[in-house]
N, C-alpha and C. Protein backbone atom coordinates (compact mmCIF):
# COMPACT_ATOMS: atom_id res chain seq x y z
N MET A 1 6.38 32.53 -16.95
CA MET A 1 5.08 32.19 -17.69
C MET A 1 5.08 33.76 -18.83
N ALA A 2 5.26 34.24 -18.79
CA ALA A 2 4.99 35.62 -19.55
C ALA A 2 5.58 35.24 -21.22
N ASP A 3 6.59 33.92 -21.25
CA ASP A 3 6.85 34.01 -22.41
C ASP A 3 5.72 33.06 -23.31
N ASP A 4 4.63 32.70 -23.15
CA ASP A 4 3.54 32.28 -23.38
C ASP A 4 3.16 33.06 -24.92
N HIS A 5 3.01 32.07 -25.95
CA HIS A 5 3.36 32.64 -27.13
C HIS A 5 1.50 32.50 -27.33
N GLN A 6 0.44 31.80 -26.72
CA GLN A 6 -0.80 31.60 -27.01
C GLN A 6 -1.39 32.97 -25.38
N ARG A 7 -2.91 33.33 -26.14
CA ARG A 7 -3.44 33.97 -25.03
C ARG A 7 -4.19 32.42 -24.36
N SER A 8 -5.06 33.39 -23.48
CA SER A 8 -5.88 32.75 -22.57
C SER A 8 -7.22 32.56 -23.46
N LEU A 9 -8.31 31.67 -23.59
CA LEU A 9 -9.39 31.01 -24.16
C LEU A 9 -10.39 32.18 -23.60
N THR A 10 -11.09 32.95 -25.04
CA THR A 10 -11.96 33.90 -24.66
C THR A 10 -13.29 32.94 -24.48
N PRO A 11 -14.09 34.21 -23.46
CA PRO A 11 -15.95 33.37 -23.86
C PRO A 11 -16.04 33.40 -25.14
N GLY A 12 -15.65 33.62 -26.09
CA GLY A 12 -16.18 33.57 -27.48
C GLY A 12 -16.04 31.91 -27.63
N PHE A 13 -14.80 31.38 -27.30
CA PHE A 13 -14.49 30.14 -27.54
C PHE A 13 -15.00 29.35 -27.34
N PHE A 14 -16.05 29.44 -25.66
CA PHE A 14 -16.92 28.23 -25.21
C PHE A 14 -18.23 29.03 -25.63
N ASP A 15 -18.56 29.88 -26.28
CA ASP A 15 -19.72 29.97 -27.01
C ASP A 15 -20.02 29.44 -28.21
N GLU A 16 -18.69 29.27 -29.13
CA GLU A 16 -18.82 28.45 -30.00
C GLU A 16 -19.08 26.89 -29.95
N MET A 17 -18.07 26.95 -28.69
CA MET A 17 -18.60 25.12 -28.44
C MET A 17 -19.77 24.57 -28.16
N TYR A 18 -20.54 25.58 -27.26
CA TYR A 18 -21.81 25.52 -26.37
C TYR A 18 -23.09 25.72 -27.95
N ALA A 19 -22.62 26.49 -28.62
CA ALA A 19 -23.67 26.30 -30.01
C ALA A 19 -24.02 25.07 -30.66
N GLY A 20 -22.93 24.16 -30.80
CA GLY A 20 -23.18 23.01 -31.46
C GLY A 20 -23.40 21.83 -30.92
N SER A 21 -23.58 21.90 -29.01
CA SER A 21 -23.88 20.85 -28.29
C SER A 21 -24.30 21.36 -27.41
N HIS A 22 -25.50 21.01 -25.99
CA HIS A 22 -25.26 21.18 -24.82
C HIS A 22 -24.03 20.67 -23.50
N ASP A 23 -23.58 19.63 -24.15
CA ASP A 23 -22.82 19.06 -24.11
C ASP A 23 -21.15 18.65 -24.54
N PRO A 24 -20.61 19.90 -24.59
CA PRO A 24 -19.71 19.45 -25.89
C PRO A 24 -18.38 18.28 -25.33
N TRP A 25 -18.13 18.44 -24.51
CA TRP A 25 -17.34 17.65 -23.93
C TRP A 25 -17.99 16.08 -23.12
N GLY A 26 -18.98 16.27 -23.13
CA GLY A 26 -19.64 14.68 -23.03
C GLY A 26 -19.65 14.83 -21.62
N PHE A 27 -19.47 15.52 -20.72
CA PHE A 27 -19.30 15.21 -19.16
C PHE A 27 -20.81 14.64 -18.50
N GLU A 28 -21.91 14.63 -19.53
CA GLU A 28 -22.97 14.06 -18.70
C GLU A 28 -22.84 12.62 -19.34
N THR A 29 -21.93 11.86 -20.51
CA THR A 29 -22.22 10.85 -20.86
C THR A 29 -20.78 9.79 -21.06
N ARG A 30 -19.92 10.21 -21.12
CA ARG A 30 -18.23 9.64 -21.04
C ARG A 30 -18.57 8.90 -19.74
N GLN A 31 -17.74 7.95 -20.17
CA GLN A 31 -17.72 6.69 -19.06
C GLN A 31 -16.18 7.54 -18.49
N TYR A 32 -15.27 7.78 -18.99
CA TYR A 32 -14.30 8.91 -18.32
C TYR A 32 -14.63 9.70 -17.60
N GLU A 33 -15.44 10.63 -18.01
CA GLU A 33 -16.13 11.40 -17.10
C GLU A 33 -16.44 11.09 -15.46
N ALA A 34 -17.09 10.02 -15.72
CA ALA A 34 -18.06 8.94 -14.77
C ALA A 34 -17.06 8.84 -13.54
N GLU A 35 -15.67 8.29 -14.34
CA GLU A 35 -14.92 7.56 -13.39
C GLU A 35 -13.87 8.55 -13.01
N LYS A 36 -13.35 9.72 -13.20
CA LYS A 36 -12.90 10.78 -12.88
C LYS A 36 -13.48 11.28 -11.87
N TYR A 37 -14.83 11.77 -11.95
CA TYR A 37 -15.50 12.44 -10.71
C TYR A 37 -15.91 11.45 -9.50
N ASN A 38 -15.92 9.81 -9.81
CA ASN A 38 -15.94 9.28 -8.57
C ASN A 38 -14.42 9.32 -8.13
N GLU A 39 -13.41 9.17 -8.76
CA GLU A 39 -12.16 9.43 -8.15
C GLU A 39 -11.85 10.66 -7.71
N THR A 40 -12.47 11.87 -8.12
CA THR A 40 -11.96 13.13 -7.57
C THR A 40 -12.88 12.97 -6.15
N LEU A 41 -13.88 12.61 -5.95
CA LEU A 41 -14.72 12.58 -4.88
C LEU A 41 -14.19 12.17 -4.06
N ALA A 42 -13.77 10.66 -4.02
CA ALA A 42 -13.31 9.78 -3.11
C ALA A 42 -11.68 10.42 -2.89
N ALA A 43 -11.26 10.93 -3.60
CA ALA A 43 -9.61 11.83 -2.90
C ALA A 43 -10.03 12.53 -2.01
N LEU A 44 -11.03 13.54 -2.09
CA LEU A 44 -11.23 14.45 -1.30
C LEU A 44 -10.84 14.73 0.35
N PRO A 45 -9.77 15.54 0.81
CA PRO A 45 -8.68 14.59 2.24
C PRO A 45 -10.16 14.60 3.51
N GLN A 46 -11.61 15.67 3.06
CA GLN A 46 -12.58 15.54 4.50
C GLN A 46 -14.17 15.66 3.85
N ARG A 47 -14.62 14.75 4.57
CA ARG A 47 -15.93 14.26 4.29
C ARG A 47 -16.66 15.57 3.73
N ARG A 48 -16.41 16.45 4.51
CA ARG A 48 -17.57 17.76 4.12
C ARG A 48 -16.88 19.09 4.35
N TYR A 49 -17.16 20.10 3.67
CA TYR A 49 -16.77 21.58 3.30
C TYR A 49 -17.73 22.14 3.71
N HIS A 50 -17.19 23.34 4.48
CA HIS A 50 -18.34 24.64 4.68
C HIS A 50 -18.79 25.34 3.62
N ARG A 51 -17.46 25.60 2.57
CA ARG A 51 -17.86 26.58 1.85
C ARG A 51 -16.49 26.16 0.89
N ALA A 52 -17.13 26.13 -0.45
CA ALA A 52 -16.61 25.06 -1.99
C ALA A 52 -16.68 26.09 -3.01
N PHE A 53 -15.97 26.69 -4.04
CA PHE A 53 -15.96 27.27 -4.95
C PHE A 53 -15.58 26.44 -6.40
N GLU A 54 -16.25 25.95 -6.95
CA GLU A 54 -16.12 25.55 -8.38
C GLU A 54 -15.98 26.23 -9.51
N VAL A 55 -14.82 26.38 -10.07
CA VAL A 55 -14.59 26.95 -11.52
C VAL A 55 -14.83 26.17 -12.70
N GLY A 56 -15.36 26.56 -13.51
CA GLY A 56 -15.89 25.99 -14.96
C GLY A 56 -16.70 24.91 -14.40
N CYS A 57 -18.18 25.19 -14.02
CA CYS A 57 -18.48 24.25 -13.79
C CYS A 57 -19.57 23.68 -15.27
N SER A 58 -19.47 24.12 -16.07
CA SER A 58 -20.04 23.69 -17.08
C SER A 58 -21.75 23.18 -16.84
N VAL A 59 -22.02 22.19 -17.30
CA VAL A 59 -23.50 21.55 -16.91
C VAL A 59 -23.87 21.28 -15.65
N GLY A 60 -23.13 21.20 -15.19
CA GLY A 60 -23.20 20.58 -13.49
C GLY A 60 -22.93 19.81 -13.02
N VAL A 61 -22.39 18.58 -13.72
CA VAL A 61 -22.56 16.90 -13.57
C VAL A 61 -21.69 17.15 -12.21
N LEU A 62 -20.74 17.22 -12.15
CA LEU A 62 -19.60 17.37 -10.70
C LEU A 62 -20.34 18.18 -9.77
N THR A 63 -21.01 19.35 -10.32
CA THR A 63 -21.24 20.54 -8.96
C THR A 63 -22.79 19.55 -8.31
N GLU A 64 -23.58 18.39 -9.03
CA GLU A 64 -24.70 18.33 -8.00
C GLU A 64 -24.04 17.15 -7.07
N GLN A 65 -22.89 16.11 -8.49
CA GLN A 65 -22.41 15.19 -7.11
C GLN A 65 -21.51 15.66 -5.75
N LEU A 66 -20.81 16.91 -6.00
CA LEU A 66 -19.86 17.77 -5.03
C LEU A 66 -20.66 18.53 -3.94
N ALA A 67 -21.95 18.77 -4.20
CA ALA A 67 -22.93 19.61 -3.70
C ALA A 67 -23.33 18.63 -2.39
N ALA A 68 -23.17 17.69 -2.49
CA ALA A 68 -23.72 16.73 -1.12
C ALA A 68 -22.40 16.66 -0.64
N ARG A 69 -21.26 17.19 -0.42
CA ARG A 69 -20.37 17.09 0.25
C ARG A 69 -20.01 18.36 0.78
N CYS A 70 -21.08 19.45 0.73
CA CYS A 70 -21.00 20.86 0.53
C CYS A 70 -21.65 21.55 1.44
N ASP A 71 -21.48 22.30 2.84
CA ASP A 71 -22.98 23.26 3.00
C ASP A 71 -23.61 24.03 2.05
N HIS A 72 -22.19 24.99 1.66
CA HIS A 72 -22.39 25.90 0.53
C HIS A 72 -21.37 25.78 -0.91
N LEU A 73 -22.22 26.01 -1.79
CA LEU A 73 -21.16 25.72 -3.19
C LEU A 73 -21.30 27.03 -4.17
N LEU A 74 -20.20 27.45 -4.72
CA LEU A 74 -20.13 28.07 -5.90
C LEU A 74 -20.16 27.80 -6.89
N ALA A 75 -20.55 27.64 -8.25
CA ALA A 75 -20.39 26.79 -8.70
C ALA A 75 -20.35 28.22 -10.23
N VAL A 76 -19.27 28.41 -10.86
CA VAL A 76 -19.08 29.72 -12.44
C VAL A 76 -19.09 28.97 -13.47
N ASP A 77 -19.33 29.52 -14.14
CA ASP A 77 -18.86 29.49 -15.43
C ASP A 77 -18.65 30.46 -16.88
N VAL A 78 -17.89 30.53 -17.59
CA VAL A 78 -17.55 31.88 -18.54
C VAL A 78 -18.93 32.44 -19.35
N VAL A 79 -19.59 31.21 -19.74
CA VAL A 79 -20.79 31.85 -20.39
C VAL A 79 -22.04 31.23 -20.05
N GLU A 80 -23.41 31.73 -20.38
CA GLU A 80 -24.36 31.98 -19.63
C GLU A 80 -25.23 30.10 -20.27
N LYS A 81 -25.13 29.59 -21.00
CA LYS A 81 -25.75 28.65 -21.72
C LYS A 81 -25.41 27.46 -21.06
N PRO A 82 -24.31 26.94 -21.04
CA PRO A 82 -23.88 25.70 -19.75
C PRO A 82 -24.81 25.61 -18.38
N LEU A 83 -24.69 27.24 -17.97
CA LEU A 83 -25.50 27.43 -16.43
C LEU A 83 -26.86 27.32 -16.47
N GLU A 84 -27.26 27.36 -17.79
CA GLU A 84 -28.86 27.58 -17.58
C GLU A 84 -29.19 25.90 -17.50
N HIS A 85 -28.34 24.94 -17.93
CA HIS A 85 -28.47 23.15 -17.84
C HIS A 85 -28.12 22.94 -16.17
N ALA A 86 -26.92 23.66 -15.77
CA ALA A 86 -26.87 23.41 -14.41
C ALA A 86 -27.36 23.51 -13.04
N ARG A 87 -28.34 24.90 -13.61
CA ARG A 87 -29.10 25.47 -12.55
C ARG A 87 -30.20 24.23 -12.89
N GLN A 88 -30.89 23.65 -13.96
CA GLN A 88 -31.71 23.00 -13.99
C GLN A 88 -31.51 21.67 -13.21
N ARG A 89 -29.98 21.33 -13.65
CA ARG A 89 -29.79 19.79 -13.24
C ARG A 89 -29.90 20.10 -11.82
N CYS A 90 -29.45 21.05 -11.20
CA CYS A 90 -29.46 21.16 -9.11
C CYS A 90 -30.48 21.82 -8.89
N ARG A 91 -31.77 22.11 -9.69
CA ARG A 91 -32.91 22.79 -9.37
C ARG A 91 -33.40 22.44 -7.30
N ASN A 92 -32.59 21.40 -6.95
CA ASN A 92 -33.74 20.93 -6.01
C ASN A 92 -32.52 21.10 -4.74
N LEU A 93 -31.54 21.83 -5.16
CA LEU A 93 -30.12 21.64 -4.15
C LEU A 93 -30.17 23.06 -3.78
N ASP A 94 -30.52 23.33 -2.40
CA ASP A 94 -30.60 24.70 -1.86
C ASP A 94 -29.55 25.34 -1.94
N ASN A 95 -28.05 24.60 -1.67
CA ASN A 95 -27.00 24.70 -1.01
C ASN A 95 -25.90 25.00 -2.33
N VAL A 96 -26.62 25.54 -3.24
CA VAL A 96 -25.55 25.41 -4.83
C VAL A 96 -26.26 26.70 -5.20
N THR A 97 -25.08 27.57 -5.66
CA THR A 97 -25.56 29.20 -6.59
C THR A 97 -24.61 29.36 -7.59
N PHE A 98 -25.08 29.11 -8.20
CA PHE A 98 -24.55 29.80 -9.82
C PHE A 98 -24.58 31.10 -10.01
N ARG A 99 -22.80 31.16 -10.92
CA ARG A 99 -23.21 32.55 -10.91
C ARG A 99 -21.84 32.81 -12.90
N LYS A 100 -22.53 33.84 -13.33
CA LYS A 100 -21.81 33.82 -14.52
C LYS A 100 -20.52 34.68 -14.68
N MET A 101 -19.30 34.29 -14.57
CA MET A 101 -17.71 34.47 -13.86
C MET A 101 -16.76 33.99 -14.50
N GLN A 102 -15.84 35.05 -15.11
CA GLN A 102 -14.91 34.75 -15.96
C GLN A 102 -13.40 34.94 -15.15
N VAL A 103 -13.00 34.39 -14.36
CA VAL A 103 -12.04 34.06 -13.65
C VAL A 103 -10.65 34.07 -14.25
N PRO A 104 -9.62 34.65 -14.73
CA PRO A 104 -9.51 35.43 -13.31
C PRO A 104 -9.83 36.86 -13.19
N TYR A 105 -10.69 37.20 -14.31
CA TYR A 105 -10.68 38.75 -14.27
C TYR A 105 -11.92 39.02 -13.02
N GLU A 106 -12.85 37.99 -12.80
CA GLU A 106 -13.68 38.47 -12.04
C GLU A 106 -13.22 37.36 -10.69
N PHE A 107 -13.36 37.21 -9.50
CA PHE A 107 -13.60 36.40 -8.61
C PHE A 107 -13.93 36.56 -7.23
N PRO A 108 -14.62 35.84 -6.42
CA PRO A 108 -15.88 35.89 -5.50
C PRO A 108 -14.80 36.52 -4.25
N GLY A 109 -15.64 37.13 -3.66
CA GLY A 109 -14.90 38.22 -2.90
C GLY A 109 -14.75 37.05 -1.20
N GLU A 110 -15.00 36.23 -1.13
CA GLU A 110 -15.64 35.14 0.29
C GLU A 110 -14.24 34.30 0.21
N GLN A 111 -14.07 33.83 1.54
CA GLN A 111 -13.02 32.73 1.36
C GLN A 111 -13.62 31.22 1.67
N PHE A 112 -13.05 30.36 1.12
CA PHE A 112 -13.60 28.82 0.79
C PHE A 112 -12.45 28.16 1.20
N ASP A 113 -13.34 26.75 1.95
CA ASP A 113 -12.51 25.63 2.27
C ASP A 113 -12.20 24.58 1.29
N LEU A 114 -12.44 24.76 0.00
CA LEU A 114 -12.40 23.82 -0.94
C LEU A 114 -12.68 24.73 -2.02
N ILE A 115 -11.30 24.80 -3.11
CA ILE A 115 -11.85 25.46 -4.53
C ILE A 115 -11.57 23.88 -5.34
N MET A 116 -12.34 23.94 -6.40
CA MET A 116 -11.75 22.99 -7.61
C MET A 116 -11.78 23.55 -9.12
N LEU A 117 -10.29 23.18 -9.24
CA LEU A 117 -10.02 23.44 -10.91
C LEU A 117 -10.03 21.67 -11.55
N SER A 118 -11.09 21.79 -12.50
CA SER A 118 -11.38 20.56 -12.49
C SER A 118 -11.71 20.72 -14.26
N GLU A 119 -10.65 20.63 -15.36
CA GLU A 119 -10.79 20.43 -16.40
C GLU A 119 -10.84 22.20 -17.10
N VAL A 120 -10.10 23.34 -16.29
CA VAL A 120 -10.20 24.71 -16.19
C VAL A 120 -8.86 25.35 -16.43
N ALA A 121 -8.06 24.83 -15.84
CA ALA A 121 -6.81 25.68 -15.78
C ALA A 121 -6.02 25.70 -17.01
N TYR A 122 -6.01 24.67 -17.74
CA TYR A 122 -5.14 24.97 -18.74
C TYR A 122 -5.88 25.73 -19.96
N TYR A 123 -6.83 26.11 -19.24
CA TYR A 123 -7.56 27.47 -20.73
C TYR A 123 -6.85 28.83 -20.15
N TRP A 124 -6.49 29.04 -19.39
CA TRP A 124 -5.10 29.96 -19.49
C TRP A 124 -4.05 30.14 -19.42
N ALA A 125 -3.61 31.48 -20.17
CA ALA A 125 -2.19 31.56 -20.13
C ALA A 125 -1.76 32.49 -19.86
N GLY A 126 -0.12 32.42 -19.00
CA GLY A 126 0.95 33.60 -18.67
C GLY A 126 -0.01 34.13 -17.67
N GLU A 127 0.09 35.35 -18.02
CA GLU A 127 -0.41 36.19 -16.36
C GLU A 127 -1.75 35.85 -16.01
N ASP A 128 -2.58 35.65 -16.81
CA ASP A 128 -3.94 34.96 -16.41
C ASP A 128 -3.32 33.69 -15.55
N LEU A 129 -2.51 32.95 -15.61
CA LEU A 129 -2.27 31.50 -15.16
C LEU A 129 -1.68 32.11 -13.61
N GLU A 130 -1.19 32.73 -13.61
CA GLU A 130 -0.50 33.06 -12.49
C GLU A 130 -1.51 34.09 -11.43
N ARG A 131 -2.23 35.11 -12.09
CA ARG A 131 -3.00 35.77 -11.29
C ARG A 131 -4.00 34.52 -10.95
N ALA A 132 -4.87 33.59 -11.39
CA ALA A 132 -5.53 32.81 -11.02
C ALA A 132 -5.31 32.21 -9.90
N ARG A 133 -3.90 31.44 -10.07
CA ARG A 133 -3.40 30.70 -9.22
C ARG A 133 -2.98 31.65 -7.71
N GLU A 134 -2.66 33.04 -7.68
CA GLU A 134 -2.75 34.05 -6.74
C GLU A 134 -3.75 34.09 -5.84
N LEU A 135 -5.04 34.06 -7.05
CA LEU A 135 -6.22 34.46 -6.35
C LEU A 135 -6.71 33.22 -5.47
N VAL A 136 -6.56 31.95 -6.15
CA VAL A 136 -6.79 30.63 -5.33
C VAL A 136 -6.61 30.44 -4.10
N VAL A 137 -4.89 30.53 -3.85
CA VAL A 137 -4.33 31.00 -2.51
C VAL A 137 -4.87 31.78 -1.14
N ARG A 138 -5.17 33.40 -2.22
CA ARG A 138 -5.64 34.28 -1.35
C ARG A 138 -7.00 34.04 -0.75
N HIS A 139 -7.93 33.29 -1.30
CA HIS A 139 -9.31 32.97 -1.03
C HIS A 139 -9.17 31.55 -0.40
N LEU A 140 -7.86 31.06 -0.10
CA LEU A 140 -8.39 29.59 0.70
C LEU A 140 -7.95 29.95 2.05
N THR A 141 -9.34 29.09 2.77
CA THR A 141 -8.97 29.23 4.11
C THR A 141 -7.61 28.68 4.58
N LYS A 142 -7.12 28.99 5.76
CA LYS A 142 -5.76 28.19 6.00
C LYS A 142 -6.45 26.94 6.33
N GLY A 143 -5.64 25.99 5.78
CA GLY A 143 -6.37 23.96 6.06
C GLY A 143 -7.04 23.66 5.11
N GLY A 144 -7.44 24.79 3.79
CA GLY A 144 -8.20 24.55 3.20
C GLY A 144 -7.67 24.07 1.80
N HIS A 145 -8.77 23.17 0.88
CA HIS A 145 -7.87 22.59 -0.42
C HIS A 145 -8.19 23.35 -1.28
N LEU A 146 -6.95 22.92 -2.20
CA LEU A 146 -7.09 23.06 -3.64
C LEU A 146 -7.09 21.46 -4.05
N VAL A 147 -8.13 21.42 -5.31
CA VAL A 147 -8.37 20.34 -5.77
C VAL A 147 -7.97 20.22 -7.49
N MET A 148 -7.27 20.08 -8.34
CA MET A 148 -6.82 20.49 -9.91
C MET A 148 -6.84 18.91 -10.37
N VAL A 149 -7.73 19.00 -11.29
CA VAL A 149 -7.94 17.42 -12.19
C VAL A 149 -8.33 17.76 -13.74
N HIS A 150 -7.02 17.31 -14.71
CA HIS A 150 -6.81 17.93 -16.10
C HIS A 150 -6.65 16.66 -17.13
N TRP A 151 -6.97 16.60 -17.74
CA TRP A 151 -6.72 15.99 -19.46
C TRP A 151 -5.28 16.37 -18.98
N ARG A 152 -4.91 15.08 -19.52
CA ARG A 152 -3.18 15.10 -19.91
C ARG A 152 -2.88 15.47 -21.11
N PRO A 153 -3.49 14.73 -22.78
CA PRO A 153 -2.93 14.57 -23.55
C PRO A 153 -2.51 16.31 -24.16
N TYR A 154 -2.17 16.26 -25.09
CA TYR A 154 -2.04 17.93 -25.69
C TYR A 154 -3.61 18.11 -26.61
N VAL A 155 -3.33 19.64 -26.45
CA VAL A 155 -4.67 19.83 -27.16
C VAL A 155 -4.36 21.06 -27.85
N ALA A 156 -4.19 21.29 -29.12
CA ALA A 156 -4.00 22.53 -29.70
C ALA A 156 -4.55 23.54 -29.39
N GLU A 157 -5.68 23.78 -29.12
CA GLU A 157 -6.33 25.00 -29.24
C GLU A 157 -6.07 25.51 -27.65
N TYR A 158 -5.64 24.81 -26.76
CA TYR A 158 -5.34 25.08 -25.40
C TYR A 158 -4.01 25.77 -24.91
N PRO A 159 -3.88 26.46 -24.56
CA PRO A 159 -2.83 27.33 -23.98
C PRO A 159 -1.58 26.42 -23.25
N ARG A 160 -1.96 25.85 -22.43
CA ARG A 160 -0.87 25.23 -22.05
C ARG A 160 -1.97 23.45 -21.93
N THR A 161 -1.02 22.59 -21.30
CA THR A 161 -1.36 21.49 -21.30
C THR A 161 -1.54 20.65 -20.00
N GLY A 162 -2.48 20.23 -19.14
CA GLY A 162 -2.39 19.58 -17.92
C GLY A 162 -1.59 19.64 -16.82
N ASP A 163 -0.89 18.68 -17.40
CA ASP A 163 0.40 18.43 -16.88
C ASP A 163 1.30 20.01 -16.58
N GLU A 164 0.98 20.59 -17.31
CA GLU A 164 2.35 22.18 -17.37
C GLU A 164 1.37 23.06 -16.62
N VAL A 165 0.27 22.89 -16.13
CA VAL A 165 -0.45 24.07 -14.97
C VAL A 165 -0.16 23.26 -13.83
N HIS A 166 -0.30 21.93 -13.20
CA HIS A 166 -0.16 21.26 -12.37
C HIS A 166 1.46 21.61 -12.00
N GLU A 167 2.84 21.56 -12.77
CA GLU A 167 3.81 21.61 -12.37
C GLU A 167 4.16 22.96 -12.07
N PHE A 168 3.20 23.98 -12.97
CA PHE A 168 3.57 25.69 -12.58
C PHE A 168 3.15 25.53 -10.95
N VAL A 169 1.82 24.85 -10.66
CA VAL A 169 1.24 25.23 -9.17
C VAL A 169 2.18 24.56 -8.08
N LEU A 170 2.54 23.37 -8.58
CA LEU A 170 3.73 23.09 -7.70
C LEU A 170 4.81 23.77 -7.36
N SER A 171 5.59 24.25 -8.58
CA SER A 171 6.69 25.28 -8.37
C SER A 171 6.51 26.58 -8.05
N SER A 172 5.23 26.94 -7.91
CA SER A 172 5.38 28.57 -7.95
C SER A 172 4.24 28.91 -6.48
N SER A 173 4.14 28.21 -5.81
CA SER A 173 2.83 28.06 -4.89
C SER A 173 3.70 28.87 -3.50
N GLY A 174 5.12 28.95 -3.62
CA GLY A 174 6.41 30.12 -2.52
C GLY A 174 6.02 29.39 -1.16
N GLY A 175 5.66 28.48 -0.78
CA GLY A 175 5.62 27.72 0.60
C GLY A 175 4.05 27.91 1.12
N GLN A 176 3.03 28.79 0.11
CA GLN A 176 1.71 28.48 0.59
C GLN A 176 1.05 27.28 0.72
N LEU A 177 1.48 26.44 -0.52
CA LEU A 177 0.59 25.27 -0.50
C LEU A 177 1.37 24.01 -0.13
N ARG A 178 0.62 23.17 0.57
CA ARG A 178 1.48 22.10 0.89
C ARG A 178 0.59 21.05 -0.36
N HIS A 179 1.54 20.23 -1.02
CA HIS A 179 1.12 19.27 -1.89
C HIS A 179 0.88 17.61 -1.01
N LEU A 180 -0.27 17.61 -1.14
CA LEU A 180 -0.93 16.22 -0.65
C LEU A 180 -0.91 15.17 -1.27
N GLU A 181 -1.45 15.63 -2.38
CA GLU A 181 -1.26 14.30 -3.04
C GLU A 181 -0.86 14.38 -4.89
N ASP A 182 -0.59 12.99 -5.39
CA ASP A 182 -0.50 13.34 -6.85
C ASP A 182 -0.85 12.00 -7.33
N ARG A 183 -2.09 11.97 -8.28
CA ARG A 183 -2.35 10.68 -8.82
C ARG A 183 -2.13 11.11 -10.28
N ARG A 184 -1.79 10.10 -11.06
CA ARG A 184 -1.89 10.07 -12.72
C ARG A 184 -2.27 8.99 -13.42
N GLN A 185 -3.23 9.05 -14.39
CA GLN A 185 -3.29 8.09 -15.34
C GLN A 185 -3.06 8.59 -16.34
N GLU A 186 -3.65 7.84 -17.16
CA GLU A 186 -3.38 7.87 -18.70
C GLU A 186 -3.46 9.48 -19.20
N LEU A 187 -4.78 9.25 -19.04
CA LEU A 187 -5.53 10.60 -19.42
C LEU A 187 -5.89 11.54 -18.83
N TYR A 188 -5.23 11.43 -17.84
CA TYR A 188 -5.53 12.93 -16.53
C TYR A 188 -4.95 12.53 -15.19
N ARG A 189 -4.31 13.88 -14.64
CA ARG A 189 -3.82 14.26 -13.47
C ARG A 189 -4.63 14.71 -12.46
N MET A 190 -4.28 14.03 -11.04
CA MET A 190 -4.96 14.91 -9.64
C MET A 190 -4.23 15.22 -9.23
N ASP A 191 -4.10 16.65 -8.55
CA ASP A 191 -2.89 17.13 -7.76
C ASP A 191 -3.82 17.55 -6.69
N ILE A 192 -3.74 17.75 -5.21
CA ILE A 192 -4.20 18.00 -4.25
C ILE A 192 -3.66 18.68 -3.26
N PHE A 193 -3.85 19.84 -2.88
CA PHE A 193 -2.84 20.94 -2.28
C PHE A 193 -3.72 21.27 -0.86
N GLU A 194 -2.83 21.79 0.14
CA GLU A 194 -3.46 22.61 1.35
C GLU A 194 -2.85 23.22 1.82
N ARG A 195 -4.08 24.60 2.07
CA ARG A 195 -3.14 26.19 2.13
C ARG A 195 -2.59 25.89 3.79
N VAL A 196 -1.24 26.51 4.04
CA VAL A 196 -0.82 26.30 4.98
C VAL A 196 -0.83 27.91 6.10
């Protein structure tokens, strides 16, 4: 991955996106997002998780739905503005904690039995993507699940495509992750892994 010609997107990129709209990707309004979230939740291998980690929660639409399946859910984003909306959306959910965090430069110290990477891993390039994968594997409990869901079409600003980041995890898990499921739609791809 060291030959990446692009760098990971910085918090400044996301600050600019949220300066123009509180929900620039339409997580609250697009039918595509609603259908994808339904499919994601339906595909979870377990009915309930003890401790889950959602990277890149944005305005908290998936967070709110995922919380119903978790005893504890830590949801993080790299900038504060969407976190304000996410906190408001989930204000009555005592099992959800929000933090501002720039993964992979920062990562929580606890272990998780579910880690959700939904529409976030293609923002990482080169060593950042490698580091993120290493940290995810290290912080998954044995038998815990990694769920990856990403937009497949090419986006010029993003260092990688969704397919590229999924293939990277598939090819670099070194026997630490068992591939459980591969679901591909025209616009998005979902892969589910289990920590061995």
